Amino acid sequence: MTRAYKLFNDAAEGGVIGKANEPVALAWQKAYEAAQQAGLQGIAVEEAYFEVRLH
């Protein structure tokens, strides 16, 4: 999970990731979107802020 998160953040901030790491970064994005949908289910808001803390 840590690797996926870091790769996604690097790409989101304009960093370049190799083709070999692209599926890992995209997996993070899919997991984030699924968590967002689950978190918003049943409440009347359109957006939410999620913070990930790696320990």
PDB file of N, CA and C in Angstrom:
ATOM      1  N   MET A   1       0.820  -1.179   0.000  1.00  0.00           N
ATOM      2  CA  MET A   1       0.000   0.000   0.000  1.00  0.00           C
ATOM      3  C   MET A   1       0.872   1.254   0.000  1.00  0.00           C
ATOM      4  N   THR A   2       1.915   1.245   0.783  1.00  0.00           N
ATOM      5  CA  THR A   2       2.806   2.407   0.851  1.00  0.00           C
ATOM      6  C   THR A   2       3.389   2.719  -0.521  1.00  0.00           C
ATOM      7  N   ARG A   3       3.830   1.694  -1.217  1.00  0.00           N
ATOM      8  CA  ARG A   3       4.411   1.896  -2.549  1.00  0.00           C
ATOM      9  C   ARG A   3       3.387   2.485  -3.512  1.00  0.00           C
ATOM     10  N   ALA A   4       2.176   1.952  -3.497  1.00  0.00           N
ATOM     11  CA  ALA A   4       1.121   2.439  -4.388  1.00  0.00           C
ATOM     12  C   ALA A   4       0.805   3.898  -4.093  1.00  0.00           C
ATOM     13  N   TYR A   5       0.693   4.236  -2.831  1.00  0.00           N
ATOM     14  CA  TYR A   5       0.392   5.610  -2.430  1.00  0.00           C
ATOM     15  C   TYR A   5       1.486   6.576  -2.896  1.00  0.00           C
ATOM     16  N   LYS A   6       2.730   6.205  -2.675  1.00  0.00           N
ATOM     17  CA  LYS A   6       3.838   7.079  -3.072  1.00  0.00           C
ATOM     18  C   LYS A   6       3.924   7.235  -4.582  1.00  0.00           C
ATOM     19  N   LEU A   7       3.724   6.150  -5.306  1.00  0.00           N
ATOM     20  CA  LEU A   7       3.758   6.237  -6.764  1.00  0.00           C
ATOM     21  C   LEU A   7       2.644   7.122  -7.291  1.00  0.00           C
ATOM     22  N   PHE A   8       1.444   6.972  -6.749  1.00  0.00           N
ATOM     23  CA  PHE A   8       0.323   7.794  -7.189  1.00  0.00           C
ATOM     24  C   PHE A   8       0.594   9.264  -6.891  1.00  0.00           C
ATOM     25  N   ASN A   9       1.077   9.574  -5.713  1.00  0.00           N
ATOM     26  CA  ASN A   9       1.369  10.965  -5.358  1.00  0.00           C
ATOM     27  C   ASN A   9       2.453  11.545  -6.242  1.00  0.00           C
ATOM     28  N   ASP A  10       3.477  10.770  -6.531  1.00  0.00           N
ATOM     29  CA  ASP A  10       4.533  11.253  -7.424  1.00  0.00           C
ATOM     30  C   ASP A  10       3.954  11.604  -8.792  1.00  0.00           C
ATOM     31  N   ALA A  11       3.122  10.722  -9.326  1.00  0.00           N
ATOM     32  CA  ALA A  11       2.510  10.977 -10.632  1.00  0.00           C
ATOM     33  C   ALA A  11       1.577  12.173 -10.578  1.00  0.00           C
ATOM     34  N   ALA A  12       0.806  12.303  -9.507  1.00  0.00           N
ATOM     35  CA  ALA A  12      -0.141  13.411  -9.375  1.00  0.00           C
ATOM     36  C   ALA A  12       0.563  14.759  -9.268  1.00  0.00           C
ATOM     37  N   GLU A  13       1.784  14.746  -8.759  1.00  0.00           N
ATOM     38  CA  GLU A  13       2.540  15.987  -8.601  1.00  0.00           C
ATOM     39  C   GLU A  13       3.462  16.247  -9.786  1.00  0.00           C
ATOM     40  N   GLY A  14       3.223  15.548 -10.890  1.00  0.00           N
ATOM     41  CA  GLY A  14       3.994  15.794 -12.095  1.00  0.00           C
ATOM     42  C   GLY A  14       5.223  14.919 -12.251  1.00  0.00           C
ATOM     43  N   GLY A  15       5.428  14.015 -11.326  1.00  0.00           N
ATOM     44  CA  GLY A  15       6.569  13.116 -11.434  1.00  0.00           C
ATOM     45  C   GLY A  15       6.339  12.074 -12.519  1.00  0.00           C
ATOM     46  N   VAL A  16       7.402  11.479 -12.942  1.00  0.00           N
ATOM     47  CA  VAL A  16       7.324  10.468 -13.983  1.00  0.00           C
ATOM     48  C   VAL A  16       7.522   9.106 -13.331  1.00  0.00           C
ATOM     49  N   ILE A  17       6.600   8.197 -13.617  1.00  0.00           N
ATOM     50  CA  ILE A  17       6.758   6.829 -13.138  1.00  0.00           C
ATOM     51  C   ILE A  17       6.909   5.924 -14.343  1.00  0.00           C
ATOM     52  N   GLY A  18       7.650   4.870 -14.173  1.00  0.00           N
ATOM     53  CA  GLY A  18       7.882   3.945 -15.272  1.00  0.00           C
ATOM     54  C   GLY A  18       6.648   3.115 -15.579  1.00  0.00           C
ATOM     55  N   LYS A  19       6.653   2.534 -16.762  1.00  0.00           N
ATOM     56  CA  LYS A  19       5.530   1.682 -17.190  1.00  0.00           C
ATOM     57  C   LYS A  19       5.313   0.525 -16.227  1.00  0.00           C
ATOM     58  N   ALA A  20       6.383   0.004 -15.651  1.00  0.00           N
ATOM     59  CA  ALA A  20       6.268  -1.119 -14.730  1.00  0.00           C
ATOM     60  C   ALA A  20       5.511  -0.730 -13.458  1.00  0.00           C
ATOM     61  N   ASN A  21       5.611   0.529 -13.052  1.00  0.00           N
ATOM     62  CA  ASN A  21       4.944   0.990 -11.832  1.00  0.00           C
ATOM     63  C   ASN A  21       3.563   1.590 -12.082  1.00  0.00           C
ATOM     64  N   GLU A  22       3.222   1.830 -13.323  1.00  0.00           N
ATOM     65  CA  GLU A  22       1.943   2.452 -13.642  1.00  0.00           C
ATOM     66  C   GLU A  22       0.735   1.660 -13.112  1.00  0.00           C
ATOM     67  N   PRO A  23       0.696   0.331 -13.266  1.00  0.00           N
ATOM     68  CA  PRO A  23      -0.458  -0.413 -12.740  1.00  0.00           C
ATOM     69  C   PRO A  23      -0.631  -0.268 -11.228  1.00  0.00           C
ATOM     70  N   VAL A  24       0.487  -0.142 -10.512  1.00  0.00           N
ATOM     71  CA  VAL A  24       0.425   0.012  -9.057  1.00  0.00           C
ATOM     72  C   VAL A  24      -0.187   1.364  -8.709  1.00  0.00           C
ATOM     73  N   ALA A  25       0.238   2.421  -9.390  1.00  0.00           N
ATOM     74  CA  ALA A  25      -0.306   3.754  -9.147  1.00  0.00           C
ATOM     75  C   ALA A  25      -1.788   3.810  -9.503  1.00  0.00           C
ATOM     76  N   LEU A  26      -2.171   3.176 -10.595  1.00  0.00           N
ATOM     77  CA  LEU A  26      -3.577   3.163 -10.996  1.00  0.00           C
ATOM     78  C   LEU A  26      -4.426   2.365 -10.011  1.00  0.00           C
ATOM     79  N   ALA A  27      -3.848   1.329  -9.409  1.00  0.00           N
ATOM     80  CA  ALA A  27      -4.572   0.551  -8.402  1.00  0.00           C
ATOM     81  C   ALA A  27      -4.914   1.433  -7.199  1.00  0.00           C
ATOM     82  N   TRP A  28      -3.994   2.330  -6.833  1.00  0.00           N
ATOM     83  CA  TRP A  28      -4.260   3.255  -5.727  1.00  0.00           C
ATOM     84  C   TRP A  28      -5.452   4.151  -6.076  1.00  0.00           C
ATOM     85  N   GLN A  29      -5.462   4.671  -7.280  1.00  0.00           N
ATOM     86  CA  GLN A  29      -6.545   5.553  -7.702  1.00  0.00           C
ATOM     87  C   GLN A  29      -7.887   4.818  -7.634  1.00  0.00           C
ATOM     88  N   LYS A  30      -7.939   3.592  -8.082  1.00  0.00           N
ATOM     89  CA  LYS A  30      -9.180   2.816  -8.036  1.00  0.00           C
ATOM     90  C   LYS A  30      -9.607   2.561  -6.599  1.00  0.00           C
ATOM     91  N   ALA A  31      -8.653   2.244  -5.735  1.00  0.00           N
ATOM     92  CA  ALA A  31      -8.969   2.006  -4.326  1.00  0.00           C
ATOM     93  C   ALA A  31      -9.483   3.279  -3.664  1.00  0.00           C
ATOM     94  N   TYR A  32      -8.882   4.415  -3.986  1.00  0.00           N
ATOM     95  CA  TYR A  32      -9.320   5.698  -3.445  1.00  0.00           C
ATOM     96  C   TYR A  32     -10.757   6.004  -3.866  1.00  0.00           C
ATOM     97  N   GLU A  33     -11.037   5.808  -5.143  1.00  0.00           N
ATOM     98  CA  GLU A  33     -12.389   6.079  -5.648  1.00  0.00           C
ATOM     99  C   GLU A  33     -13.420   5.162  -5.002  1.00  0.00           C
ATOM    100  N   ALA A  34     -13.077   3.903  -4.799  1.00  0.00           N
ATOM    101  CA  ALA A  34     -13.994   2.971  -4.141  1.00  0.00           C
ATOM    102  C   ALA A  34     -14.238   3.386  -2.692  1.00  0.00           C
ATOM    103  N   ALA A  35     -13.193   3.807  -2.005  1.00  0.00           N
ATOM    104  CA  ALA A  35     -13.341   4.260  -0.616  1.00  0.00           C
ATOM    105  C   ALA A  35     -14.189   5.518  -0.540  1.00  0.00           C
ATOM    106  N   GLN A  36     -14.001   6.417  -1.485  1.00  0.00           N
ATOM    107  CA  GLN A  36     -14.785   7.644  -1.508  1.00  0.00           C
ATOM    108  C   GLN A  36     -16.265   7.331  -1.726  1.00  0.00           C
ATOM    109  N   GLN A  37     -16.564   6.457  -2.659  1.00  0.00           N
ATOM    110  CA  GLN A  37     -17.954   6.091  -2.918  1.00  0.00           C
ATOM    111  C   GLN A  37     -18.575   5.427  -1.699  1.00  0.00           C
ATOM    112  N   ALA A  38     -17.837   4.537  -1.058  1.00  0.00           N
ATOM    113  CA  ALA A  38     -18.349   3.861   0.133  1.00  0.00           C
ATOM    114  C   ALA A  38     -18.561   4.850   1.272  1.00  0.00           C
ATOM    115  N   GLY A  39     -17.634   5.801   1.414  1.00  0.00           N
ATOM    116  CA  GLY A  39     -17.745   6.789   2.489  1.00  0.00           C
ATOM    117  C   GLY A  39     -18.885   7.762   2.302  1.00  0.00           C
ATOM    118  N   LEU A  40     -19.252   8.039   1.058  1.00  0.00           N
ATOM    119  CA  LEU A  40     -20.326   8.995   0.784  1.00  0.00           C
ATOM    120  C   LEU A  40     -21.694   8.331   0.689  1.00  0.00           C
ATOM    121  N   GLN A  41     -21.709   7.027   0.705  1.00  0.00           N
ATOM    122  CA  GLN A  41     -22.959   6.307   0.555  1.00  0.00           C
ATOM    123  C   GLN A  41     -23.882   6.593   1.743  1.00  0.00           C
ATOM    124  N   GLY A  42     -25.077   7.027   1.424  1.00  0.00           N
ATOM    125  CA  GLY A  42     -26.073   7.263   2.459  1.00  0.00           C
ATOM    126  C   GLY A  42     -26.016   8.628   3.122  1.00  0.00           C
ATOM    127  N   ILE A  43     -25.118   9.522   2.655  1.00  0.00           N
ATOM    128  CA  ILE A  43     -25.084  10.874   3.215  1.00  0.00           C
ATOM    129  C   ILE A  43     -25.274  11.870   2.082  1.00  0.00           C
ATOM    130  N   ALA A  44     -25.735  13.029   2.414  1.00  0.00           N
ATOM    131  CA  ALA A  44     -26.119  14.007   1.394  1.00  0.00           C
ATOM    132  C   ALA A  44     -24.998  15.018   1.122  1.00  0.00           C
ATOM    133  N   VAL A  45     -23.845  14.537   0.694  1.00  0.00           N
ATOM    134  CA  VAL A  45     -22.755  15.414   0.276  1.00  0.00           C
ATOM    135  C   VAL A  45     -22.208  14.897  -1.044  1.00  0.00           C
ATOM    136  N   GLU A  46     -21.601  15.776  -1.799  1.00  0.00           N
ATOM    137  CA  GLU A  46     -21.055  15.381  -3.087  1.00  0.00           C
ATOM    138  C   GLU A  46     -19.549  15.167  -3.047  1.00  0.00           C
ATOM    139  N   GLU A  47     -18.886  15.732  -2.063  1.00  0.00           N
ATOM    140  CA  GLU A  47     -17.443  15.623  -1.972  1.00  0.00           C
ATOM    141  C   GLU A  47     -17.029  15.321  -0.553  1.00  0.00           C
ATOM    142  N   ALA A  48     -15.864  14.747  -0.426  1.00  0.00           N
ATOM    143  CA  ALA A  48     -15.294  14.481   0.889  1.00  0.00           C
ATOM    144  C   ALA A  48     -13.778  14.557   0.779  1.00  0.00           C
ATOM    145  N   TYR A  49     -13.146  14.802   1.878  1.00  0.00           N
ATOM    146  CA  TYR A  49     -11.689  14.855   1.924  1.00  0.00           C
ATOM    147  C   TYR A  49     -11.197  13.645   2.686  1.00  0.00           C
ATOM    148  N   PHE A  50     -10.310  12.892   2.082  1.00  0.00           N
ATOM    149  CA  PHE A  50      -9.714  11.746   2.724  1.00  0.00           C
ATOM    150  C   PHE A  50      -8.237  12.015   2.930  1.00  0.00           C
ATOM    151  N   GLU A  51      -7.758  11.713   4.091  1.00  0.00           N
ATOM    152  CA  GLU A  51      -6.334  11.871   4.370  1.00  0.00           C
ATOM    153  C   GLU A  51      -5.754  10.498   4.672  1.00  0.00           C
ATOM    154  N   VAL A  52      -4.636  10.203   4.073  1.00  0.00           N
ATOM    155  CA  VAL A  52      -3.951   8.942   4.321  1.00  0.00           C
ATOM    156  C   VAL A  52      -2.695   9.251   5.106  1.00  0.00           C
ATOM    157  N   ARG A  53      -2.519   8.549   6.202  1.00  0.00           N
ATOM    158  CA  ARG A  53      -1.322   8.714   7.020  1.00  0.00           C
ATOM    159  C   ARG A  53      -0.580   7.396   7.057  1.00  0.00           C
ATOM    160  N   LEU A  54       0.628   7.429   6.599  1.00  0.00           N
ATOM    161  CA  LEU A  54       1.453   6.222   6.618  1.00  0.00           C
ATOM    162  C   LEU A  54       2.299   6.228   7.880  1.00  0.00           C
ATOM    163  N   HIS A  55       2.285   5.135   8.574  1.00  0.00           N
ATOM    164  CA  HIS A  55       3.064   5.034   9.821  1.00  0.00           C
ATOM    165  C   HIS A  55       4.125   3.993   9.675  1.00  0.00           C
TER     166      HIS A  55
END
